[in-house]
Amino acid sequence: MYVLGTVFECIDSNPLSPLFFSYICPKRARQLQLKMELSQLDREIEELVARAKTEIEEYNTACKKYINAFTLAFDDGDIHKQPRHPFLPSTQKL
Protein backbone atom coordinates (compact mmCIF):
# COMPACT_ATOMS: atom_id res chain seq x y z
CA MET A 1 0.00 0.00 0.00
CA TYR A 2 2.86 2.36 0.65
CA VAL A 3 4.03 2.14 -2.96
CA LEU A 4 0.57 3.01 -4.28
CA GLY A 5 0.31 5.88 -1.85
CA THR A 6 3.66 7.21 -3.05
CA VAL A 7 2.63 6.90 -6.70
CA PHE A 8 -0.66 8.67 -6.19
CA GLU A 9 0.99 11.39 -4.14
CA CYS A 10 3.36 11.97 -7.06
CA ILE A 11 0.44 12.01 -9.48
CA ASP A 12 -1.48 14.47 -7.32
CA SER A 13 1.49 16.80 -7.15
CA ASN A 14 2.03 16.75 -10.93
CA PRO A 15 -0.95 15.38 -12.90
CA LEU A 16 0.94 15.67 -16.21
CA SER A 17 3.85 13.55 -15.04
CA PRO A 18 4.82 10.35 -16.89
CA LEU A 19 3.64 8.39 -13.85
CA PHE A 20 0.14 9.73 -14.42
CA PHE A 21 0.05 8.33 -17.93
CA SER A 22 1.73 5.07 -17.01
CA TYR A 23 -0.67 4.26 -14.16
CA ILE A 24 -3.89 5.94 -15.25
CA CYS A 25 -3.62 5.73 -19.06
CA PRO A 26 -1.19 2.89 -19.87
CA LYS A 27 -2.25 2.61 -23.52
CA ARG A 28 -1.87 6.34 -24.08
CA ALA A 29 1.52 6.33 -22.36
CA ARG A 30 2.70 3.48 -24.57
CA GLN A 31 1.43 5.32 -27.65
CA LEU A 32 3.31 8.47 -26.67
CA GLN A 33 6.47 6.49 -25.99
CA LEU A 34 6.25 4.72 -29.35
CA LYS A 35 5.55 8.01 -31.11
CA MET A 36 8.69 9.55 -29.59
CA GLU A 37 10.77 6.49 -30.52
CA LEU A 38 9.45 6.58 -34.09
CA SER A 39 10.20 10.28 -34.36
CA GLN A 40 13.78 9.62 -33.23
CA LEU A 41 14.12 6.81 -35.77
CA ASP A 42 12.73 9.07 -38.51
CA ARG A 43 15.37 11.70 -37.72
CA GLU A 44 18.13 9.08 -37.76
CA ILE A 45 16.89 7.70 -41.09
CA GLU A 46 16.79 11.20 -42.59
CA GLU A 47 20.40 11.76 -41.52
CA LEU A 48 21.52 8.43 -43.00
CA VAL A 49 19.68 9.08 -46.26
CA ALA A 50 21.24 12.54 -46.56
CA ARG A 51 24.71 11.09 -45.90
CA ALA A 52 24.18 8.30 -48.46
CA LYS A 53 22.90 10.79 -51.03
CA THR A 54 26.00 12.94 -50.56
CA GLU A 55 28.29 9.90 -50.93
CA ILE A 56 26.50 8.83 -54.12
CA GLU A 57 26.79 12.32 -55.60
CA GLU A 58 30.52 12.42 -54.78
CA TYR A 59 30.99 8.97 -56.34
CA ASN A 60 29.12 10.02 -59.49
CA THR A 61 31.22 13.19 -59.79
CA ALA A 62 34.45 11.21 -59.40
CA CYS A 63 33.31 8.67 -62.00
CA LYS A 64 32.37 11.40 -64.47
CA LYS A 65 35.82 12.97 -64.08
CA TYR A 66 37.44 9.57 -64.60
CA ILE A 67 35.39 8.85 -67.72
CA ASN A 68 36.19 12.25 -69.21
CA ALA A 69 39.92 11.85 -68.53
CA PHE A 70 39.85 8.28 -69.86
CA THR A 71 38.20 9.29 -73.13
CA LEU A 72 40.61 12.20 -73.58
CA ALA A 73 43.64 9.95 -73.01
CA PHE A 74 42.19 7.31 -75.31
CA ASP A 75 41.47 9.89 -78.03
CA ASP A 76 45.05 11.16 -77.79
CA GLY A 77 46.30 7.59 -78.18
CA ASP A 78 48.37 7.76 -75.01
CA ILE A 79 47.30 4.63 -73.17
CA HIS A 80 49.89 5.11 -70.41
CA LYS A 81 48.37 8.43 -69.37
CA GLN A 82 44.98 6.93 -68.68
CA PRO A 83 43.95 7.81 -65.16
CA ARG A 84 43.34 5.27 -62.46
CA HIS A 85 39.73 4.82 -61.43
CA PRO A 86 39.21 6.47 -58.03
CA PHE A 87 37.53 3.42 -56.50
CA LEU A 88 39.05 0.48 -58.40
CA PRO A 89 42.59 -0.92 -58.12
CA SER A 90 45.07 -0.17 -60.86
CA THR A 91 45.47 -2.62 -63.71
CA GLN A 92 49.10 -3.20 -62.75
CA LYS A 93 48.01 -4.62 -59.39
CA LEU A 94 45.55 -6.95 -61.09
PDB file of N, CA and C in Angstrom:
ATOM      1  N   MET A   1       0.806  -1.194   0.000  1.00  0.00           N
ATOM      2  CA  MET A   1       0.000   0.000   0.000  1.00  0.00           C
ATOM      3  C   MET A   1       0.848   1.255   0.000  1.00  0.00           C
ATOM      4  N   TYR A   2       2.009   1.175   0.590  1.00  0.00           N
ATOM      5  CA  TYR A   2       2.862   2.361   0.653  1.00  0.00           C
ATOM      6  C   TYR A   2       3.289   2.795  -0.743  1.00  0.00           C
ATOM      7  N   VAL A   3       3.599   1.815  -1.599  1.00  0.00           N
ATOM      8  CA  VAL A   3       4.027   2.143  -2.956  1.00  0.00           C
ATOM      9  C   VAL A   3       2.909   2.856  -3.703  1.00  0.00           C
ATOM     10  N   LEU A   4       1.687   2.354  -3.609  1.00  0.00           N
ATOM     11  CA  LEU A   4       0.571   3.010  -4.285  1.00  0.00           C
ATOM     12  C   LEU A   4       0.342   4.404  -3.737  1.00  0.00           C
ATOM     13  N   GLY A   5       0.463   4.548  -2.432  1.00  0.00           N
ATOM     14  CA  GLY A   5       0.308   5.876  -1.849  1.00  0.00           C
ATOM     15  C   GLY A   5       1.352   6.831  -2.398  1.00  0.00           C
ATOM     16  N   THR A   6       2.588   6.374  -2.529  1.00  0.00           N
ATOM     17  CA  THR A   6       3.659   7.214  -3.051  1.00  0.00           C
ATOM     18  C   THR A   6       3.386   7.590  -4.507  1.00  0.00           C
ATOM     19  N   VAL A   7       2.921   6.636  -5.293  1.00  0.00           N
ATOM     20  CA  VAL A   7       2.628   6.896  -6.696  1.00  0.00           C
ATOM     21  C   VAL A   7       1.518   7.921  -6.821  1.00  0.00           C
ATOM     22  N   PHE A   8       0.457   7.739  -6.083  1.00  0.00           N
ATOM     23  CA  PHE A   8      -0.663   8.668  -6.195  1.00  0.00           C
ATOM     24  C   PHE A   8      -0.332  10.035  -5.628  1.00  0.00           C
ATOM     25  N   GLU A   9       0.545  10.084  -4.635  1.00  0.00           N
ATOM     26  CA  GLU A   9       0.994  11.385  -4.145  1.00  0.00           C
ATOM     27  C   GLU A   9       1.765  12.112  -5.243  1.00  0.00           C
ATOM     28  N   CYS A  10       2.589  11.379  -5.958  1.00  0.00           N
ATOM     29  CA  CYS A  10       3.356  11.968  -7.057  1.00  0.00           C
ATOM     30  C   CYS A  10       2.416  12.443  -8.158  1.00  0.00           C
ATOM     31  N   ILE A  11       1.402  11.634  -8.441  1.00  0.00           N
ATOM     32  CA  ILE A  11       0.440  12.006  -9.477  1.00  0.00           C
ATOM     33  C   ILE A  11      -0.336  13.246  -9.063  1.00  0.00           C
ATOM     34  N   ASP A  12      -0.731  13.303  -7.799  1.00  0.00           N
ATOM     35  CA  ASP A  12      -1.477  14.466  -7.320  1.00  0.00           C
ATOM     36  C   ASP A  12      -0.646  15.731  -7.393  1.00  0.00           C
ATOM     37  N   SER A  13       0.647  15.608  -7.125  1.00  0.00           N
ATOM     38  CA  SER A  13       1.490  16.799  -7.151  1.00  0.00           C
ATOM     39  C   SER A  13       1.747  17.286  -8.571  1.00  0.00           C
ATOM     40  N   ASN A  14       1.790  16.373  -9.530  1.00  0.00           N
ATOM     41  CA  ASN A  14       2.029  16.747 -10.927  1.00  0.00           C
ATOM     42  C   ASN A  14       1.170  15.852 -11.824  1.00  0.00           C
ATOM     43  N   PRO A  15      -0.056  16.259 -12.134  1.00  0.00           N
ATOM     44  CA  PRO A  15      -0.954  15.383 -12.901  1.00  0.00           C
ATOM     45  C   PRO A  15      -0.501  15.129 -14.336  1.00  0.00           C
ATOM     46  N   LEU A  16       0.451  15.892 -14.847  1.00  0.00           N
ATOM     47  CA  LEU A  16       0.936  15.666 -16.210  1.00  0.00           C
ATOM     48  C   LEU A  16       2.233  14.870 -16.236  1.00  0.00           C
ATOM     49  N   SER A  17       2.599  14.296 -15.115  1.00  0.00           N
ATOM     50  CA  SER A  17       3.851  13.545 -15.040  1.00  0.00           C
ATOM     51  C   SER A  17       3.729  12.238 -15.813  1.00  0.00           C
ATOM     52  N   PRO A  18       4.859  11.645 -16.200  1.00  0.00           N
ATOM     53  CA  PRO A  18       4.819  10.349 -16.886  1.00  0.00           C
ATOM     54  C   PRO A  18       4.171   9.264 -16.042  1.00  0.00           C
ATOM     55  N   LEU A  19       4.282   9.375 -14.711  1.00  0.00           N
ATOM     56  CA  LEU A  19       3.637   8.385 -13.852  1.00  0.00           C
ATOM     57  C   LEU A  19       2.126   8.419 -14.016  1.00  0.00           C
ATOM     58  N   PHE A  20       1.581   9.606 -14.214  1.00  0.00           N
ATOM     59  CA  PHE A  20       0.136   9.725 -14.421  1.00  0.00           C
ATOM     60  C   PHE A  20      -0.292   8.894 -15.622  1.00  0.00           C
ATOM     61  N   PHE A  21       0.414   9.071 -16.729  1.00  0.00           N
ATOM     62  CA  PHE A  21       0.046   8.333 -17.930  1.00  0.00           C
ATOM     63  C   PHE A  21       0.312   6.844 -17.787  1.00  0.00           C
ATOM     64  N   SER A  22       1.391   6.483 -17.113  1.00  0.00           N
ATOM     65  CA  SER A  22       1.726   5.067 -17.015  1.00  0.00           C
ATOM     66  C   SER A  22       0.789   4.300 -16.096  1.00  0.00           C
ATOM     67  N   TYR A  23       0.224   4.961 -15.081  1.00  0.00           N
ATOM     68  CA  TYR A  23      -0.673   4.264 -14.162  1.00  0.00           C
ATOM     69  C   TYR A  23      -2.146   4.482 -14.494  1.00  0.00           C
ATOM     70  N   ILE A  24      -2.498   5.640 -14.971  1.00  0.00           N
ATOM     71  CA  ILE A  24      -3.893   5.936 -15.247  1.00  0.00           C
ATOM     72  C   ILE A  24      -4.249   5.615 -16.697  1.00  0.00           C
ATOM     73  N   CYS A  25      -3.368   5.933 -17.633  1.00  0.00           N
ATOM     74  CA  CYS A  25      -3.621   5.725 -19.065  1.00  0.00           C
ATOM     75  C   CYS A  25      -2.469   4.936 -19.676  1.00  0.00           C
ATOM     76  N   PRO A  26      -2.350   3.643 -19.364  1.00  0.00           N
ATOM     77  CA  PRO A  26      -1.185   2.894 -19.865  1.00  0.00           C
ATOM     78  C   PRO A  26      -1.127   2.801 -21.390  1.00  0.00           C
ATOM     79  N   LYS A  27      -2.275   2.690 -22.045  1.00  0.00           N
ATOM     80  CA  LYS A  27      -2.251   2.608 -23.515  1.00  0.00           C
ATOM     81  C   LYS A  27      -1.775   3.924 -24.118  1.00  0.00           C
ATOM     82  N   ARG A  28      -2.268   5.024 -23.571  1.00  0.00           N
ATOM     83  CA  ARG A  28      -1.868   6.340 -24.080  1.00  0.00           C
ATOM     84  C   ARG A  28      -0.382   6.579 -23.831  1.00  0.00           C
ATOM     85  N   ALA A  29       0.098   6.160 -22.662  1.00  0.00           N
ATOM     86  CA  ALA A  29       1.520   6.330 -22.356  1.00  0.00           C
ATOM     87  C   ALA A  29       2.374   5.536 -23.329  1.00  0.00           C
ATOM     88  N   ARG A  30       1.950   4.318 -23.625  1.00  0.00           N
ATOM     89  CA  ARG A  30       2.701   3.483 -24.566  1.00  0.00           C
ATOM     90  C   ARG A  30       2.680   4.107 -25.962  1.00  0.00           C
ATOM     91  N   GLN A  31       1.530   4.657 -26.354  1.00  0.00           N
ATOM     92  CA  GLN A  31       1.431   5.317 -27.654  1.00  0.00           C
ATOM     93  C   GLN A  31       2.375   6.511 -27.741  1.00  0.00           C
ATOM     94  N   LEU A  32       2.414   7.305 -26.679  1.00  0.00           N
ATOM     95  CA  LEU A  32       3.308   8.466 -26.672  1.00  0.00           C
ATOM     96  C   LEU A  32       4.768   8.041 -26.726  1.00  0.00           C
ATOM     97  N   GLN A  33       5.094   6.978 -25.987  1.00  0.00           N
ATOM     98  CA  GLN A  33       6.472   6.487 -25.990  1.00  0.00           C
ATOM     99  C   GLN A  33       6.852   5.992 -27.385  1.00  0.00           C
ATOM    100  N   LEU A  34       5.965   5.221 -28.003  1.00  0.00           N
ATOM    101  CA  LEU A  34       6.248   4.715 -29.348  1.00  0.00           C
ATOM    102  C   LEU A  34       6.346   5.850 -30.360  1.00  0.00           C
ATOM    103  N   LYS A  35       5.503   6.860 -30.201  1.00  0.00           N
ATOM    104  CA  LYS A  35       5.550   8.007 -31.106  1.00  0.00           C
ATOM    105  C   LYS A  35       6.888   8.728 -30.997  1.00  0.00           C
ATOM    106  N   MET A  36       7.388   8.899 -29.772  1.00  0.00           N
ATOM    107  CA  MET A  36       8.688   9.553 -29.590  1.00  0.00           C
ATOM    108  C   MET A  36       9.809   8.704 -30.167  1.00  0.00           C
ATOM    109  N   GLU A  37       9.749   7.378 -29.972  1.00  0.00           N
ATOM    110  CA  GLU A  37      10.773   6.493 -30.524  1.00  0.00           C
ATOM    111  C   GLU A  37      10.749   6.524 -32.050  1.00  0.00           C
ATOM    112  N   LEU A  38       9.558   6.513 -32.633  1.00  0.00           N
ATOM    113  CA  LEU A  38       9.453   6.575 -34.093  1.00  0.00           C
ATOM    114  C   LEU A  38       9.957   7.903 -34.640  1.00  0.00           C
ATOM    115  N   SER A  39       9.695   8.975 -33.931  1.00  0.00           N
ATOM    116  CA  SER A  39      10.204  10.282 -34.363  1.00  0.00           C
ATOM    117  C   SER A  39      11.727  10.292 -34.356  1.00  0.00           C
ATOM    118  N   GLN A  40      12.317   9.704 -33.317  1.00  0.00           N
ATOM    119  CA  GLN A  40      13.775   9.624 -33.235  1.00  0.00           C
ATOM    120  C   GLN A  40      14.330   8.788 -34.387  1.00  0.00           C
ATOM    121  N   LEU A  41      13.678   7.655 -34.661  1.00  0.00           N
ATOM    122  CA  LEU A  41      14.124   6.806 -35.771  1.00  0.00           C
ATOM    123  C   LEU A  41      13.982   7.530 -37.111  1.00  0.00           C
ATOM    124  N   ASP A  42      12.906   8.290 -37.280  1.00  0.00           N
ATOM    125  CA  ASP A  42      12.734   9.069 -38.513  1.00  0.00           C
ATOM    126  C   ASP A  42      13.870  10.066 -38.696  1.00  0.00           C
ATOM    127  N   ARG A  43      14.260  10.738 -37.616  1.00  0.00           N
ATOM    128  CA  ARG A  43      15.370  11.700 -37.718  1.00  0.00           C
ATOM    129  C   ARG A  43      16.669  10.990 -38.070  1.00  0.00           C
ATOM    130  N   GLU A  44      16.913   9.830 -37.458  1.00  0.00           N
ATOM    131  CA  GLU A  44      18.135   9.082 -37.764  1.00  0.00           C
ATOM    132  C   GLU A  44      18.132   8.612 -39.217  1.00  0.00           C
ATOM    133  N   ILE A  45      16.988   8.151 -39.694  1.00  0.00           N
ATOM    134  CA  ILE A  45      16.891   7.701 -41.085  1.00  0.00           C
ATOM    135  C   ILE A  45      17.126   8.860 -42.044  1.00  0.00           C
ATOM    136  N   GLU A  46      16.573  10.023 -41.736  1.00  0.00           N
ATOM    137  CA  GLU A  46      16.788  11.199 -42.587  1.00  0.00           C
ATOM    138  C   GLU A  46      18.265  11.558 -42.659  1.00  0.00           C
ATOM    139  N   GLU A  47      18.964  11.466 -41.529  1.00  0.00           N
ATOM    140  CA  GLU A  47      20.403  11.760 -41.522  1.00  0.00           C
ATOM    141  C   GLU A  47      21.167  10.753 -42.369  1.00  0.00           C
ATOM    142  N   LEU A  48      20.835   9.465 -42.225  1.00  0.00           N
ATOM    143  CA  LEU A  48      21.524   8.432 -43.000  1.00  0.00           C
ATOM    144  C   LEU A  48      21.245   8.572 -44.496  1.00  0.00           C
ATOM    145  N   VAL A  49      20.021   8.901 -44.850  1.00  0.00           N
ATOM    146  CA  VAL A  49      19.675   9.083 -46.265  1.00  0.00           C
ATOM    147  C   VAL A  49      20.434  10.271 -46.843  1.00  0.00           C
ATOM    148  N   ALA A  50      20.507  11.358 -46.083  1.00  0.00           N
ATOM    149  CA  ALA A  50      21.241  12.537 -46.562  1.00  0.00           C
ATOM    150  C   ALA A  50      22.717  12.213 -46.743  1.00  0.00           C
ATOM    151  N   ARG A  51      23.297  11.464 -45.800  1.00  0.00           N
ATOM    152  CA  ARG A  51      24.706  11.085 -45.905  1.00  0.00           C
ATOM    153  C   ARG A  51      24.936  10.181 -47.113  1.00  0.00           C
ATOM    154  N   ALA A  52      24.043   9.210 -47.322  1.00  0.00           N
ATOM    155  CA  ALA A  52      24.182   8.305 -48.463  1.00  0.00           C
ATOM    156  C   ALA A  52      24.029   9.058 -49.780  1.00  0.00           C
ATOM    157  N   LYS A  53      23.105   9.996 -49.817  1.00  0.00           N
ATOM    158  CA  LYS A  53      22.903  10.791 -51.033  1.00  0.00           C
ATOM    159  C   LYS A  53      24.152  11.595 -51.362  1.00  0.00           C
ATOM    160  N   THR A  54      24.772  12.180 -50.351  1.00  0.00           N
ATOM    161  CA  THR A  54      26.004  12.940 -50.561  1.00  0.00           C
ATOM    162  C   THR A  54      27.116  12.035 -51.078  1.00  0.00           C
ATOM    163  N   GLU A  55      27.254  10.841 -50.487  1.00  0.00           N
ATOM    164  CA  GLU A  55      28.287   9.903 -50.934  1.00  0.00           C
ATOM    165  C   GLU A  55      28.052   9.473 -52.381  1.00  0.00           C
ATOM    166  N   ILE A  56      26.812   9.235 -52.741  1.00  0.00           N
ATOM    167  CA  ILE A  56      26.503   8.830 -54.118  1.00  0.00           C
ATOM    168  C   ILE A  56      26.820   9.955 -55.096  1.00  0.00           C
ATOM    169  N   GLU A  57      26.482  11.177 -54.726  1.00  0.00           N
ATOM    170  CA  GLU A  57      26.786  12.318 -55.599  1.00  0.00           C
ATOM    171  C   GLU A  57      28.292  12.488 -55.769  1.00  0.00           C
ATOM    172  N   GLU A  58      29.057  12.318 -54.680  1.00  0.00           N
ATOM    173  CA  GLU A  58      30.518  12.417 -54.776  1.00  0.00           C
ATOM    174  C   GLU A  58      31.073  11.310 -55.661  1.00  0.00           C
ATOM    175  N   TYR A  59      30.544  10.088 -55.513  1.00  0.00           N
ATOM    176  CA  TYR A  59      30.987   8.969 -56.337  1.00  0.00           C
ATOM    177  C   TYR A  59      30.682   9.237 -57.811  1.00  0.00           C
ATOM    178  N   ASN A  60      29.487   9.722 -58.100  1.00  0.00           N
ATOM    179  CA  ASN A  60      29.118  10.024 -59.492  1.00  0.00           C
ATOM    180  C   ASN A  60      30.015  11.100 -60.088  1.00  0.00           C
ATOM    181  N   THR A  61      30.328  12.125 -59.312  1.00  0.00           N
ATOM    182  CA  THR A  61      31.215  13.190 -59.789  1.00  0.00           C
ATOM    183  C   THR A  61      32.603  12.635 -60.091  1.00  0.00           C
ATOM    184  N   ALA A  62      33.127  11.797 -59.189  1.00  0.00           N
ATOM    185  CA  ALA A  62      34.453  11.207 -59.403  1.00  0.00           C
ATOM    186  C   ALA A  62      34.453  10.308 -60.637  1.00  0.00           C
ATOM    187  N   CYS A  63      33.389   9.545 -60.832  1.00  0.00           N
ATOM    188  CA  CYS A  63      33.310   8.666 -62.001  1.00  0.00           C
ATOM    189  C   CYS A  63      33.221   9.467 -63.298  1.00  0.00           C
ATOM    190  N   LYS A  64      32.468  10.557 -63.277  1.00  0.00           N
ATOM    191  CA  LYS A  64      32.374  11.399 -64.473  1.00  0.00           C
ATOM    192  C   LYS A  64      33.735  11.985 -64.835  1.00  0.00           C
ATOM    193  N   LYS A  65      34.478  12.436 -63.826  1.00  0.00           N
ATOM    194  CA  LYS A  65      35.822  12.970 -64.082  1.00  0.00           C
ATOM    195  C   LYS A  65      36.723  11.885 -64.660  1.00  0.00           C
ATOM    196  N   TYR A  66      36.623  10.678 -64.111  1.00  0.00           N
ATOM    197  CA  TYR A  66      37.438   9.568 -64.602  1.00  0.00           C
ATOM    198  C   TYR A  66      37.096   9.246 -66.053  1.00  0.00           C
ATOM    199  N   ILE A  67      35.817   9.179 -66.358  1.00  0.00           N
ATOM    200  CA  ILE A  67      35.392   8.846 -67.722  1.00  0.00           C
ATOM    201  C   ILE A  67      35.854   9.912 -68.708  1.00  0.00           C
ATOM    202  N   ASN A  68      35.726  11.176 -68.327  1.00  0.00           N
ATOM    203  CA  ASN A  68      36.191  12.254 -69.211  1.00  0.00           C
ATOM    204  C   ASN A  68      37.697  12.170 -69.442  1.00  0.00           C
ATOM    205  N   ALA A  69      38.466  11.953 -68.383  1.00  0.00           N
ATOM    206  CA  ALA A  69      39.921  11.846 -68.527  1.00  0.00           C
ATOM    207  C   ALA A  69      40.293  10.610 -69.339  1.00  0.00           C
ATOM    208  N   PHE A  70      39.578   9.516 -69.136  1.00  0.00           N
ATOM    209  CA  PHE A  70      39.848   8.283 -69.863  1.00  0.00           C
ATOM    210  C   PHE A  70      39.610   8.474 -71.360  1.00  0.00           C
ATOM    211  N   THR A  71      38.491   9.091 -71.699  1.00  0.00           N
ATOM    212  CA  THR A  71      38.205   9.286 -73.127  1.00  0.00           C
ATOM    213  C   THR A  71      39.191  10.250 -73.768  1.00  0.00           C
ATOM    214  N   LEU A  72      39.616  11.275 -73.030  1.00  0.00           N
ATOM    215  CA  LEU A  72      40.615  12.198 -73.578  1.00  0.00           C
ATOM    216  C   LEU A  72      41.946  11.489 -73.807  1.00  0.00           C
ATOM    217  N   ALA A  73      42.378  10.675 -72.846  1.00  0.00           N
ATOM    218  CA  ALA A  73      43.641   9.945 -73.007  1.00  0.00           C
ATOM    219  C   ALA A  73      43.523   8.924 -74.129  1.00  0.00           C
ATOM    220  N   PHE A  74      42.399   8.290 -74.258  1.00  0.00           N
ATOM    221  CA  PHE A  74      42.194   7.306 -75.314  1.00  0.00           C
ATOM    222  C   PHE A  74      42.156   7.976 -76.681  1.00  0.00           C
ATOM    223  N   ASP A  75      41.519   9.149 -76.755  1.00  0.00           N
ATOM    224  CA  ASP A  75      41.465   9.886 -78.027  1.00  0.00           C
ATOM    225  C   ASP A  75      42.852  10.348 -78.457  1.00  0.00           C
ATOM    226  N   ASP A  76      43.686  10.717 -77.483  1.00  0.00           N
ATOM    227  CA  ASP A  76      45.047  11.156 -77.795  1.00  0.00           C
ATOM    228  C   ASP A  76      45.949   9.987 -78.147  1.00  0.00           C
ATOM    229  N   GLY A  77      45.513   8.766 -77.874  1.00  0.00           N
ATOM    230  CA  GLY A  77      46.304   7.585 -78.181  1.00  0.00           C
ATOM    231  C   GLY A  77      47.376   7.292 -77.156  1.00  0.00           C
ATOM    232  N   ASP A  78      47.366   7.982 -76.048  1.00  0.00           N
ATOM    233  CA  ASP A  78      48.367   7.761 -75.009  1.00  0.00           C
ATOM    234  C   ASP A  78      47.760   6.881 -73.912  1.00  0.00           C
ATOM    235  N   ILE A  79      47.898   5.588 -74.097  1.00  0.00           N
ATOM    236  CA  ILE A  79      47.299   4.626 -73.169  1.00  0.00           C
ATOM    237  C   ILE A  79      47.919   4.733 -71.778  1.00  0.00           C
ATOM    238  N   HIS A  80      49.200   5.061 -71.703  1.00  0.00           N
ATOM    239  CA  HIS A  80      49.895   5.107 -70.411  1.00  0.00           C
ATOM    240  C   HIS A  80      49.442   6.280 -69.547  1.00  0.00           C
ATOM    241  N   LYS A  81      48.830   7.276 -70.140  1.00  0.00           N
ATOM    242  CA  LYS A  81      48.369   8.427 -69.366  1.00  0.00           C
ATOM    243  C   LYS A  81      46.921   8.277 -68.882  1.00  0.00           C
ATOM    244  N   GLN A  82      46.350   7.125 -69.136  1.00  0.00           N
ATOM    245  CA  GLN A  82      44.977   6.934 -68.676  1.00  0.00           C
ATOM    246  C   GLN A  82      44.941   6.960 -67.152  1.00  0.00           C
ATOM    247  N   PRO A  83      44.008   7.683 -66.617  1.00  0.00           N
ATOM    248  CA  PRO A  83      43.949   7.805 -65.158  1.00  0.00           C
ATOM    249  C   PRO A  83      43.459   6.521 -64.505  1.00  0.00           C
ATOM    250  N   ARG A  84      43.807   6.405 -63.246  1.00  0.00           N
ATOM    251  CA  ARG A  84      43.338   5.268 -62.462  1.00  0.00           C
ATOM    252  C   ARG A  84      41.945   5.600 -61.932  1.00  0.00           C
ATOM    253  N   HIS A  85      41.081   4.611 -61.947  1.00  0.00           N
ATOM    254  CA  HIS A  85      39.728   4.816 -61.425  1.00  0.00           C
ATOM    255  C   HIS A  85      39.823   5.102 -59.925  1.00  0.00           C
ATOM    256  N   PRO A  86      39.073   6.085 -59.435  1.00  0.00           N
ATOM    257  CA  PRO A  86      39.214   6.475 -58.030  1.00  0.00           C
ATOM    258  C   PRO A  86      38.798   5.401 -57.033  1.00  0.00           C
ATOM    259  N   PHE A  87      38.008   4.418 -57.452  1.00  0.00           N
ATOM    260  CA  PHE A  87      37.531   3.418 -56.504  1.00  0.00           C
ATOM    261  C   PHE A  87      37.939   1.995 -56.858  1.00  0.00           C
ATOM    262  N   LEU A  88      38.617   1.813 -57.988  1.00  0.00           N
ATOM    263  CA  LEU A  88      39.053   0.485 -58.399  1.00  0.00           C
ATOM    264  C   LEU A  88      40.576   0.405 -58.347  1.00  0.00           C
ATOM    265  N   PRO A  89      41.130  -0.802 -58.136  1.00  0.00           N
ATOM    266  CA  PRO A  89      42.593  -0.920 -58.124  1.00  0.00           C
ATOM    267  C   PRO A  89      43.166  -0.713 -59.524  1.00  0.00           C
ATOM    268  N   SER A  90      44.429  -0.390 -59.560  1.00  0.00           N
ATOM    269  CA  SER A  90      45.068  -0.168 -60.857  1.00  0.00           C
ATOM    270  C   SER A  90      45.202  -1.493 -61.598  1.00  0.00           C
ATOM    271  N   THR A  91      45.352  -1.404 -62.911  1.00  0.00           N
ATOM    272  CA  THR A  91      45.470  -2.621 -63.711  1.00  0.00           C
ATOM    273  C   THR A  91      46.796  -3.322 -63.467  1.00  0.00           C
ATOM    274  N   GLN A  92      47.806  -2.583 -63.038  1.00  0.00           N
ATOM    275  CA  GLN A  92      49.101  -3.201 -62.755  1.00  0.00           C
ATOM    276  C   GLN A  92      49.010  -4.127 -61.544  1.00  0.00           C
ATOM    277  N   LYS A  93      48.165  -3.773 -60.576  1.00  0.00           N
ATOM    278  CA  LYS A  93      48.007  -4.617 -59.388  1.00  0.00           C
ATOM    279  C   LYS A  93      47.181  -5.854 -59.682  1.00  0.00           C
ATOM    280  N   LEU A  94      46.359  -5.787 -60.729  1.00  0.00           N
ATOM    281  CA  LEU A  94      45.549  -6.952 -61.089  1.00  0.00           C
ATOM    282  C   LEU A  94      46.433  -7.971 -61.768  1.00  0.00           C
TER     283      LEU A  94
END
